[in-house]
Amino acid sequence: MAFPPRAARAYSQSLGSQSISLRKVAPMHVCVLGAGIVGLATAWQLERRGHQVTVIDRAAPGSGASGGNGAQLSYSYVQPLADPSIWKQLPKLLLSPSSPLKLRPQLDPLQWRWGMEFLAACNAQTSRDTTAKLLELAASSRVEFEAMRAELSPECDFSATGKLVLYASQASLEGARAQLELQRTMGSEQRLVTPEECVAIEPALTGYRSHMAGAVHTPSECAADCLKVCIELTKALSARGVRFMSGVDAHGFVRNGNRVAAARTGDGDVEADAFVMALGSASHRLGRALGAYLPVYPLKGYSITVEVDPAPGAAPRVNVTDSARKVVFARIGSRLRVAGMAELVGHDASIPATRIETLAAATRALFPHASRLEELHPWTGMRPATPKGLPIIGRLGSAPSNMLFNTGHGALGFTLAFGSALRIAQALDPSASAA
């Protein structure tokens, strides 16, 4: 598989950093809090460097926000949610019950603080800076994910068929052109395509041609079943001696000066030399217990997963994002994952029937022959988002020195997991930090 130029550079740099880390790092016992894709990728990177690893999670690996996510690996198209266009959408966000982006104010100081920081980030300069940082991390993550696949050959319905981001109007397409040109300067390879070209790339869009003004085509994008990746990683790590404490809630810490001595759990204290907090939207609460402010708040999303009609051209093979509906489609084996919406509504884990019907309706509109939609397998997950859209990776000055953070990846958790895990492993390597 050919990598874009930035990914190729990251691959070379990654090989060099791995050889240094694997040779020089003194083995430690590292406790990873969280068994979603970010926590498991972190455990993977740490175990490969010879560390003893314990993974703690109150649920089974991959069963949180990772389990039914959008399945797209969006390495080259990473437009942050915090964008200047949000200002025009605010009335709809606050008032329309059908909006794909929804805000329901809570009596929650974190929500209000997060919301104000988010709006402050909705400017062109911040969006550009965030895009550059996300693309750099994504390129590294692609390399690390491919290295994992080469070593484990996981059964995860992986595909590399590219992605189309559809735009319904000429105005929205012109807005996409600006983001495309920005990403092109940062190494992404993508182009604007006409509705006719969209259909040539993905024949399942034939009936939707008249509803498209055009699309951004990124041929290098991929997809996989994130839950299957989590399961395969858990099996491999368990076989290599990683200890998993599933169904165990970490609720606090034992401190020794400026260090964490142990994580307090329902099964007793777990001592370690270093700790990594990868708890997604639950990170804020435990971070606060350590004196660290983590601006991580859940962006609630939904998905359905349906069996597809195997007839040629019935269901998409290419990843598709409907920018107007904020809905993504990803083919994972004989199934189609349809995911979308972003709700700032607190930690409400209910699944309203209207939201699931919205996803089913979007599937019927774009791909009327893809599936009978008999079994929808509805799901909801709390994407852990920061106001700017950048994950929090590494140490924080206000937290104990041996506590590292790997959280706040938003809707890009699967995409960024292995790159951010590499940064955590490097942060634990004194030689890498000095370099």
Protein backbone atom coordinates (compact mmCIF):
# COMPACT_ATOMS: atom_id res chain seq x y z
CA MET A 1 0.00 0.00 0.00
CA ALA A 2 1.43 3.40 -0.99
CA PHE A 3 1.52 6.07 1.69
CA PRO A 4 1.08 9.82 1.05
CA PRO A 5 4.37 11.77 1.29
CA ARG A 6 3.82 12.87 4.89
CA ALA A 7 3.04 9.30 5.94
CA ALA A 8 6.16 8.06 4.18
CA ARG A 9 8.27 10.55 6.14
CA ALA A 10 6.52 9.54 9.36
CA TYR A 11 7.24 5.89 8.55
CA SER A 12 10.95 6.56 8.26
CA GLN A 13 10.99 8.58 11.47
CA SER A 14 8.91 5.94 13.26
CA LEU A 15 11.32 3.15 12.39
CA GLY A 16 14.18 5.17 13.80
CA SER A 17 12.40 6.03 17.02
CA GLN A 18 11.30 2.42 17.51
CA SER A 19 14.83 1.07 17.20
CA ILE A 20 16.07 3.55 19.83
CA SER A 21 13.17 2.89 22.21
CA LEU A 22 13.26 -0.86 21.95
CA ARG A 23 16.97 -0.90 22.72
CA LYS A 24 17.32 1.69 25.49
CA VAL A 25 14.15 1.86 27.59
CA ALA A 26 14.46 0.28 31.05
CA PRO A 27 11.47 -2.03 31.62
CA MET A 28 8.76 -0.63 33.88
CA HIS A 29 5.39 -1.72 35.13
CA VAL A 30 2.89 0.57 33.40
CA CYS A 31 -0.80 0.63 34.33
CA VAL A 32 -3.08 1.67 31.47
CA LEU A 33 -6.49 2.93 32.58
CA GLY A 34 -8.93 2.24 29.75
CA ALA A 35 -9.38 -0.63 27.30
CA GLY A 36 -10.81 1.18 24.31
CA ILE A 37 -8.83 1.35 21.09
CA VAL A 38 -6.60 4.14 22.50
CA GLY A 39 -5.79 2.24 25.69
CA LEU A 40 -5.20 -1.02 23.86
CA ALA A 41 -2.96 0.62 21.27
CA THR A 42 -1.01 2.15 24.16
CA ALA A 43 -0.65 -1.26 25.81
CA TRP A 44 0.52 -2.64 22.45
CA GLN A 45 3.25 -0.03 22.05
CA LEU A 46 4.41 -0.44 25.66
CA GLU A 47 4.51 -4.24 25.62
CA ARG A 48 6.56 -4.22 22.42
CA ARG A 49 9.19 -2.18 24.25
CA GLY A 50 9.48 -4.74 27.02
CA HIS A 51 7.33 -3.08 29.67
CA GLN A 52 5.11 -5.04 32.02
CA VAL A 53 1.57 -3.79 31.38
CA THR A 54 -1.70 -3.94 33.31
CA VAL A 55 -4.90 -2.71 31.64
CA ILE A 56 -7.88 -1.74 33.83
CA ASP A 57 -11.41 -1.03 32.60
CA ARG A 58 -14.84 -1.30 34.13
CA ALA A 59 -16.14 -2.86 30.89
CA ALA A 60 -14.91 -5.37 28.34
CA PRO A 61 -12.20 -4.22 25.89
CA GLY A 62 -13.60 -2.14 23.07
CA SER A 63 -17.11 -1.93 24.49
CA GLY A 64 -17.21 1.83 25.02
CA ALA A 65 -16.91 4.51 22.35
CA SER A 66 -14.77 2.16 20.23
CA GLY A 67 -17.36 -0.58 19.82
CA GLY A 68 -19.72 0.79 17.18
CA ASN A 69 -17.82 3.79 15.86
CA GLY A 70 -17.83 4.99 12.26
CA ALA A 71 -15.14 2.44 11.24
CA GLN A 72 -13.42 4.94 8.93
CA LEU A 73 -9.67 5.44 9.24
CA SER A 74 -9.55 9.05 8.12
CA TYR A 75 -5.84 9.70 7.86
CA SER A 76 -5.89 12.49 5.28
CA TYR A 77 -9.21 14.32 5.79
CA VAL A 78 -9.38 15.57 9.37
CA GLN A 79 -11.37 18.83 9.34
CA PRO A 80 -11.88 19.83 13.01
CA LEU A 81 -15.41 20.29 14.32
CA ALA A 82 -14.25 23.65 15.75
CA ASP A 83 -14.46 25.58 12.49
CA PRO A 84 -15.56 29.15 11.62
CA SER A 85 -18.65 27.75 9.87
CA ILE A 86 -20.08 26.74 13.26
CA TRP A 87 -21.14 30.33 13.97
CA LYS A 88 -23.72 30.27 11.17
CA GLN A 89 -25.06 26.95 12.45
CA LEU A 90 -25.59 28.01 16.06
CA PRO A 91 -29.35 28.78 15.82
CA LYS A 92 -29.98 25.34 14.30
CA LEU A 93 -27.74 23.65 16.88
CA LEU A 94 -29.72 25.18 19.70
CA LEU A 95 -33.25 25.00 18.29
CA SER A 96 -33.70 22.33 15.61
CA PRO A 97 -34.64 18.85 16.89
CA SER A 98 -33.43 17.29 13.60
CA SER A 99 -29.98 18.90 13.51
CA PRO A 100 -27.10 16.40 13.24
CA LEU A 101 -25.24 18.62 15.70
CA LYS A 102 -27.16 19.16 18.90
CA LEU A 103 -26.59 21.10 22.10
CA ARG A 104 -28.74 20.52 25.17
CA PRO A 105 -27.54 22.74 28.04
CA GLN A 106 -26.99 20.92 31.33
CA LEU A 107 -26.43 22.08 34.89
CA ASP A 108 -22.83 21.10 34.37
CA PRO A 109 -19.99 23.65 34.72
CA LEU A 110 -17.74 21.48 32.54
CA GLN A 111 -20.22 21.58 29.66
CA TRP A 112 -20.45 25.38 29.80
CA ARG A 113 -16.68 25.83 30.09
CA TRP A 114 -16.10 23.34 27.29
CA GLY A 115 -18.69 25.06 25.11
CA MET A 116 -17.12 28.49 25.59
CA GLU A 117 -13.65 27.12 24.80
CA PHE A 118 -15.08 25.37 21.74
CA LEU A 119 -16.62 28.58 20.39
CA ALA A 120 -13.36 30.42 21.04
CA ALA A 121 -11.61 27.79 18.89
CA CYS A 122 -14.02 28.30 15.97
CA ASN A 123 -11.71 30.58 14.01
CA ALA A 124 -9.64 30.09 10.88
CA GLN A 125 -6.19 30.20 12.50
CA THR A 126 -7.02 27.65 15.20
CA SER A 127 -8.67 25.39 12.63
CA ARG A 128 -5.55 25.52 10.43
CA ASP A 129 -3.22 24.80 13.32
CA THR A 130 -5.39 21.92 14.52
CA THR A 131 -5.59 20.45 11.01
CA ALA A 132 -1.78 20.46 10.70
CA LYS A 133 -1.29 18.73 14.05
CA LEU A 134 -3.99 16.15 13.39
CA LEU A 135 -2.58 15.27 9.96
CA GLU A 136 0.90 14.80 11.41
CA LEU A 137 -0.44 12.52 14.14
CA ALA A 138 -2.65 10.65 11.68
CA ALA A 139 0.27 9.95 9.33
CA SER A 140 2.23 8.43 12.19
CA SER A 141 -0.82 6.46 13.27
CA ARG A 142 -1.25 4.96 9.80
CA VAL A 143 2.31 3.67 9.95
CA GLU A 144 1.89 2.19 13.41
CA PHE A 145 -1.47 0.60 12.55
CA GLU A 146 0.06 -1.00 9.46
CA ALA A 147 2.97 -2.29 11.57
CA MET A 148 0.48 -3.90 13.95
CA ARG A 149 -1.41 -5.46 11.05
CA ALA A 150 1.80 -6.82 9.56
CA GLU A 151 2.72 -8.44 12.87
CA LEU A 152 -0.68 -9.78 13.97
CA SER A 153 -2.71 -10.15 10.74
CA PRO A 154 -5.90 -9.41 12.71
CA GLU A 155 -9.27 -10.39 11.30
CA CYS A 156 -10.92 -6.98 11.31
CA ASP A 157 -12.58 -6.49 7.88
CA PHE A 158 -9.88 -4.05 6.82
CA SER A 159 -10.22 -2.31 3.46
CA ALA A 160 -8.31 0.45 1.66
CA THR A 161 -10.82 1.66 -0.92
CA GLY A 162 -10.62 5.42 -0.32
CA LYS A 163 -13.24 7.93 0.73
CA LEU A 164 -15.71 10.35 -0.81
CA VAL A 165 -16.95 13.33 1.20
CA LEU A 166 -20.18 14.46 -0.49
CA TYR A 167 -21.39 18.06 -0.67
CA ALA A 168 -24.96 19.01 -1.53
CA SER A 169 -24.42 22.60 -2.69
CA GLN A 170 -21.88 24.53 -4.68
CA ALA A 171 -21.29 26.82 -1.71
CA SER A 172 -20.44 23.94 0.60
CA LEU A 173 -18.23 22.43 -2.10
CA GLU A 174 -16.29 25.69 -2.34
CA GLY A 175 -15.82 25.62 1.41
CA ALA A 176 -14.43 22.11 1.06
CA ARG A 177 -12.03 23.34 -1.60
CA ALA A 178 -10.38 25.63 0.94
CA GLN A 179 -9.89 22.74 3.40
CA LEU A 180 -8.61 20.53 0.58
CA GLU A 181 -6.03 23.12 -0.46
CA LEU A 182 -4.93 23.51 3.16
CA GLN A 183 -4.54 19.77 3.61
CA ARG A 184 -2.72 19.47 0.28
CA THR A 185 -0.01 21.82 1.55
CA MET A 186 0.39 19.45 4.49
CA GLY A 187 0.89 16.30 2.42
CA SER A 188 -2.63 15.00 1.79
CA GLU A 189 -3.44 13.69 -1.68
CA GLN A 190 -7.06 14.40 -2.61
CA ARG A 191 -9.08 16.18 -5.27
CA LEU A 192 -12.53 17.59 -5.99
CA VAL A 193 -14.66 15.36 -8.20
CA THR A 194 -17.92 15.89 -10.06
CA PRO A 195 -21.13 13.93 -9.39
CA GLU A 196 -20.37 11.84 -12.50
CA GLU A 197 -16.91 11.04 -11.15
CA CYS A 198 -18.44 10.14 -7.78
CA VAL A 199 -20.61 7.54 -9.47
CA ALA A 200 -17.64 6.20 -11.41
CA ILE A 201 -15.70 5.83 -8.16
CA GLU A 202 -18.67 4.39 -6.24
CA PRO A 203 -21.42 2.96 -8.49
CA ALA A 204 -23.77 2.51 -5.51
CA LEU A 205 -24.25 6.30 -5.60
CA THR A 206 -25.90 6.20 -9.04
CA GLY A 207 -29.38 7.00 -7.74
CA TYR A 208 -28.07 9.88 -5.64
CA ARG A 209 -26.22 11.68 -8.44
CA SER A 210 -28.71 14.57 -8.72
CA HIS A 211 -28.37 15.39 -5.01
CA MET A 212 -24.62 16.00 -5.15
CA ALA A 213 -22.76 19.14 -6.17
CA GLY A 214 -19.51 17.20 -5.96
CA ALA A 215 -17.18 15.57 -3.48
CA VAL A 216 -13.67 15.40 -2.12
CA HIS A 217 -12.03 12.12 -3.08
CA THR A 218 -9.18 10.79 -0.94
CA PRO A 219 -8.02 7.50 -2.48
CA SER A 220 -5.74 6.48 0.41
CA GLU A 221 -8.37 6.26 3.17
CA CYS A 222 -9.20 2.98 4.89
CA ALA A 223 -11.80 1.28 7.07
CA ALA A 224 -11.93 -1.56 9.61
CA ASP A 225 -14.10 -2.92 12.39
CA CYS A 226 -12.66 -1.21 15.47
CA LEU A 227 -14.27 -3.66 17.90
CA LYS A 228 -12.64 -6.59 16.08
CA VAL A 229 -9.29 -4.80 16.27
CA CYS A 230 -9.81 -4.38 20.03
CA ILE A 231 -10.64 -8.06 20.44
CA GLU A 232 -7.62 -9.17 18.39
CA LEU A 233 -5.30 -6.85 20.32
CA THR A 234 -6.62 -8.16 23.62
CA LYS A 235 -5.95 -11.75 22.57
CA ALA A 236 -2.44 -10.98 21.38
CA LEU A 237 -1.55 -8.89 24.42
CA SER A 238 -2.94 -11.47 26.84
CA ALA A 239 -0.82 -14.15 25.16
CA ARG A 240 2.24 -11.93 25.68
CA GLY A 241 1.64 -11.53 29.39
CA VAL A 242 -0.35 -8.30 29.59
CA ARG A 243 -2.71 -8.41 32.58
CA PHE A 244 -6.31 -7.38 31.94
CA MET A 245 -8.57 -6.36 34.79
CA SER A 246 -11.98 -6.13 33.09
CA GLY A 247 -15.11 -5.22 35.00
CA VAL A 248 -12.96 -3.31 37.48
CA ASP A 249 -13.54 0.40 38.11
CA ALA A 250 -10.59 2.67 38.89
CA HIS A 251 -11.98 5.30 41.25
CA GLY A 252 -8.94 7.08 42.68
CA PHE A 253 -5.22 7.05 43.36
CA VAL A 254 -2.67 6.62 46.12
CA ARG A 255 -0.10 9.40 45.92
CA ASN A 256 3.47 9.52 47.12
CA GLY A 257 4.63 13.10 46.80
CA ASN A 258 4.55 14.11 43.14
CA ARG A 259 4.01 10.56 41.98
CA VAL A 260 1.12 8.12 41.79
CA ALA A 261 1.95 5.03 43.81
CA ALA A 262 -1.17 3.03 42.94
CA ALA A 263 -4.57 3.16 41.29
CA ARG A 264 -7.44 2.44 43.65
CA THR A 265 -9.90 -0.10 42.23
CA GLY A 266 -12.76 -2.26 43.38
CA ASP A 267 -10.30 -5.16 43.41
CA GLY A 268 -7.72 -3.37 45.52
CA ASP A 269 -4.81 -1.06 44.84
CA VAL A 270 -2.75 -1.61 41.69
CA GLU A 271 0.83 -0.41 42.05
CA ALA A 272 2.94 0.57 39.04
CA ASP A 273 5.93 2.67 38.02
CA ALA A 274 3.88 4.75 35.58
CA PHE A 275 0.23 5.22 34.69
CA VAL A 276 -1.55 6.16 31.47
CA MET A 277 -5.06 7.59 31.61
CA ALA A 278 -6.96 6.55 28.46
CA LEU A 279 -10.48 6.63 29.87
CA GLY A 280 -12.15 8.69 27.17
CA SER A 281 -14.94 10.92 28.45
CA ALA A 282 -14.41 9.57 31.99
CA SER A 283 -10.91 11.08 32.06
CA HIS A 284 -12.06 14.46 33.32
CA ARG A 285 -13.33 13.13 36.65
CA LEU A 286 -10.19 11.18 37.52
CA GLY A 287 -7.95 13.89 36.17
CA ARG A 288 -9.58 16.36 38.52
CA ALA A 289 -8.78 14.02 41.43
CA LEU A 290 -5.12 14.49 40.51
CA GLY A 291 -5.36 18.25 40.23
CA ALA A 292 -5.38 18.29 36.44
CA TYR A 293 -8.02 20.02 34.34
CA LEU A 294 -8.82 17.88 31.29
CA PRO A 295 -11.18 19.68 28.89
CA VAL A 296 -12.72 16.40 27.71
CA TYR A 297 -16.49 16.21 27.24
CA PRO A 298 -18.59 13.52 25.54
CA LEU A 299 -19.88 14.13 22.02
CA LYS A 300 -22.63 11.55 21.78
CA GLY A 301 -22.87 9.67 18.49
CA TYR A 302 -24.98 6.86 17.08
CA SER A 303 -24.58 4.04 14.60
CA ILE A 304 -26.39 1.19 12.96
CA THR A 305 -24.77 -1.89 11.40
CA VAL A 306 -26.66 -3.72 8.67
CA GLU A 307 -26.09 -6.71 6.42
CA VAL A 308 -25.65 -5.68 2.80
CA ASP A 309 -27.00 -6.97 -0.47
CA PRO A 310 -24.02 -8.71 -2.11
CA ALA A 311 -25.12 -7.77 -5.64
CA PRO A 312 -22.51 -5.61 -7.43
CA GLY A 313 -23.26 -1.89 -7.08
CA ALA A 314 -25.92 -2.34 -4.40
CA ALA A 315 -23.86 -1.36 -1.36
CA PRO A 316 -20.84 0.93 -1.29
CA ARG A 317 -17.29 -0.36 -1.22
CA VAL A 318 -15.77 3.10 -0.87
CA ASN A 319 -16.10 5.00 2.42
CA VAL A 320 -18.66 7.79 2.07
CA THR A 321 -19.32 10.82 4.25
CA ASP A 322 -22.48 12.87 3.72
CA SER A 323 -21.31 16.28 4.96
CA ALA A 324 -24.82 17.77 5.11
CA ARG A 325 -26.26 14.97 7.25
CA LYS A 326 -23.02 14.46 9.22
CA VAL A 327 -23.34 10.73 8.50
CA VAL A 328 -20.56 8.34 7.50
CA PHE A 329 -20.82 5.01 5.70
CA ALA A 330 -18.12 2.34 5.91
CA ARG A 331 -18.12 -1.15 4.46
CA ILE A 332 -16.83 -3.72 6.95
CA GLY A 333 -16.94 -7.15 5.37
CA SER A 334 -20.52 -8.13 4.58
CA ARG A 335 -21.88 -5.29 6.73
CA LEU A 336 -22.36 -1.56 6.35
CA ARG A 337 -21.66 0.69 9.33
CA VAL A 338 -23.67 3.91 9.27
CA ALA A 339 -22.72 6.42 11.97
CA GLY A 340 -23.33 10.04 12.72
CA MET A 341 -24.55 12.93 14.81
CA ALA A 342 -22.69 14.82 17.51
CA GLU A 343 -24.68 15.73 20.60
CA LEU A 344 -23.41 17.79 23.51
CA VAL A 345 -26.00 16.40 25.93
CA GLY A 346 -24.02 15.12 28.88
CA HIS A 347 -23.62 11.43 29.67
CA ASP A 348 -27.10 10.32 28.60
CA ALA A 349 -26.62 6.85 27.07
CA SER A 350 -30.20 6.38 25.83
CA ILE A 351 -30.84 5.67 22.15
CA PRO A 352 -33.83 7.66 20.84
CA ALA A 353 -35.67 5.85 18.05
CA THR A 354 -35.71 9.09 16.04
CA ARG A 355 -31.91 9.15 15.84
CA ILE A 356 -31.74 5.57 14.62
CA GLU A 357 -34.43 6.26 12.05
CA THR A 358 -32.39 9.23 10.85
CA LEU A 359 -29.48 6.89 10.11
CA ALA A 360 -31.78 4.37 8.40
CA ALA A 361 -33.34 7.16 6.32
CA ALA A 362 -29.91 8.39 5.27
CA THR A 363 -29.04 4.86 4.16
CA ARG A 364 -32.23 4.60 2.11
CA ALA A 365 -31.59 8.00 0.54
CA LEU A 366 -27.99 7.42 -0.54
CA PHE A 367 -27.97 3.65 -1.04
CA PRO A 368 -31.55 2.44 -1.57
CA HIS A 369 -30.45 -1.04 -2.67
CA ALA A 370 -27.72 -1.58 -0.09
CA SER A 371 -29.73 -3.41 2.55
CA ARG A 372 -33.21 -4.45 3.59
CA LEU A 373 -32.51 -2.79 6.96
CA GLU A 374 -34.16 -5.66 8.78
CA GLU A 375 -31.77 -5.68 11.75
CA LEU A 376 -30.19 -2.34 12.56
CA HIS A 377 -28.09 -3.17 15.64
CA PRO A 378 -28.42 0.36 17.09
CA TRP A 379 -25.54 1.71 19.16
CA THR A 380 -24.51 4.89 20.91
CA GLY A 381 -21.10 6.00 22.15
CA MET A 382 -19.59 8.95 23.98
CA ARG A 383 -16.75 10.36 21.89
CA PRO A 384 -14.28 12.10 24.23
CA ALA A 385 -13.74 15.51 22.65
CA THR A 386 -11.60 18.53 23.46
CA PRO A 387 -12.69 22.03 22.40
CA LYS A 388 -10.06 22.38 19.66
CA GLY A 389 -10.29 18.75 18.55
CA LEU A 390 -6.71 17.90 19.57
CA PRO A 391 -6.18 14.93 21.89
CA ILE A 392 -4.30 15.34 25.17
CA ILE A 393 -1.15 13.21 24.95
CA GLY A 394 1.64 12.97 27.51
CA ARG A 395 2.33 14.64 30.84
CA LEU A 396 0.58 17.66 32.32
CA GLY A 397 2.47 19.99 34.63
CA SER A 398 -0.36 20.03 37.16
CA ALA A 399 -0.50 16.22 37.46
CA PRO A 400 1.90 13.73 39.08
CA SER A 401 5.07 13.21 37.06
CA ASN A 402 4.47 9.51 36.39
CA MET A 403 0.89 10.00 35.15
CA LEU A 404 0.55 10.34 31.37
CA PHE A 405 -2.65 11.16 29.51
CA ASN A 406 -3.93 9.77 26.22
CA THR A 407 -7.47 11.03 25.83
CA GLY A 408 -9.74 13.47 24.03
CA HIS A 409 -9.54 12.04 20.50
CA GLY A 410 -13.16 12.88 19.63
CA ALA A 411 -14.43 11.18 16.47
CA LEU A 412 -10.85 10.32 15.40
CA GLY A 413 -10.01 7.84 18.16
CA PHE A 414 -9.60 4.88 15.80
CA THR A 415 -7.64 6.97 13.31
CA LEU A 416 -5.23 8.47 15.84
CA ALA A 417 -4.92 5.62 18.37
CA PHE A 418 -1.68 4.04 17.26
CA GLY A 419 0.12 7.32 16.62
CA SER A 420 -0.80 8.74 20.01
CA ALA A 421 0.19 5.44 21.63
CA LEU A 422 3.62 5.78 20.03
CA ARG A 423 3.98 9.24 21.59
CA ILE A 424 3.16 7.82 25.00
CA ALA A 425 5.80 5.10 24.59
CA GLN A 426 8.35 7.71 23.52
CA ALA A 427 7.45 9.94 26.47
CA LEU A 428 8.40 7.09 28.80
CA ASP A 429 11.79 6.82 27.09
CA PRO A 430 14.30 9.29 28.58
CA SER A 431 16.53 9.03 25.52
CA ALA A 432 13.63 9.97 23.23
CA SER A 433 12.67 12.89 25.46
CA ALA A 434 16.23 14.20 25.39
CA ALA A 435 16.39 13.98 21.61
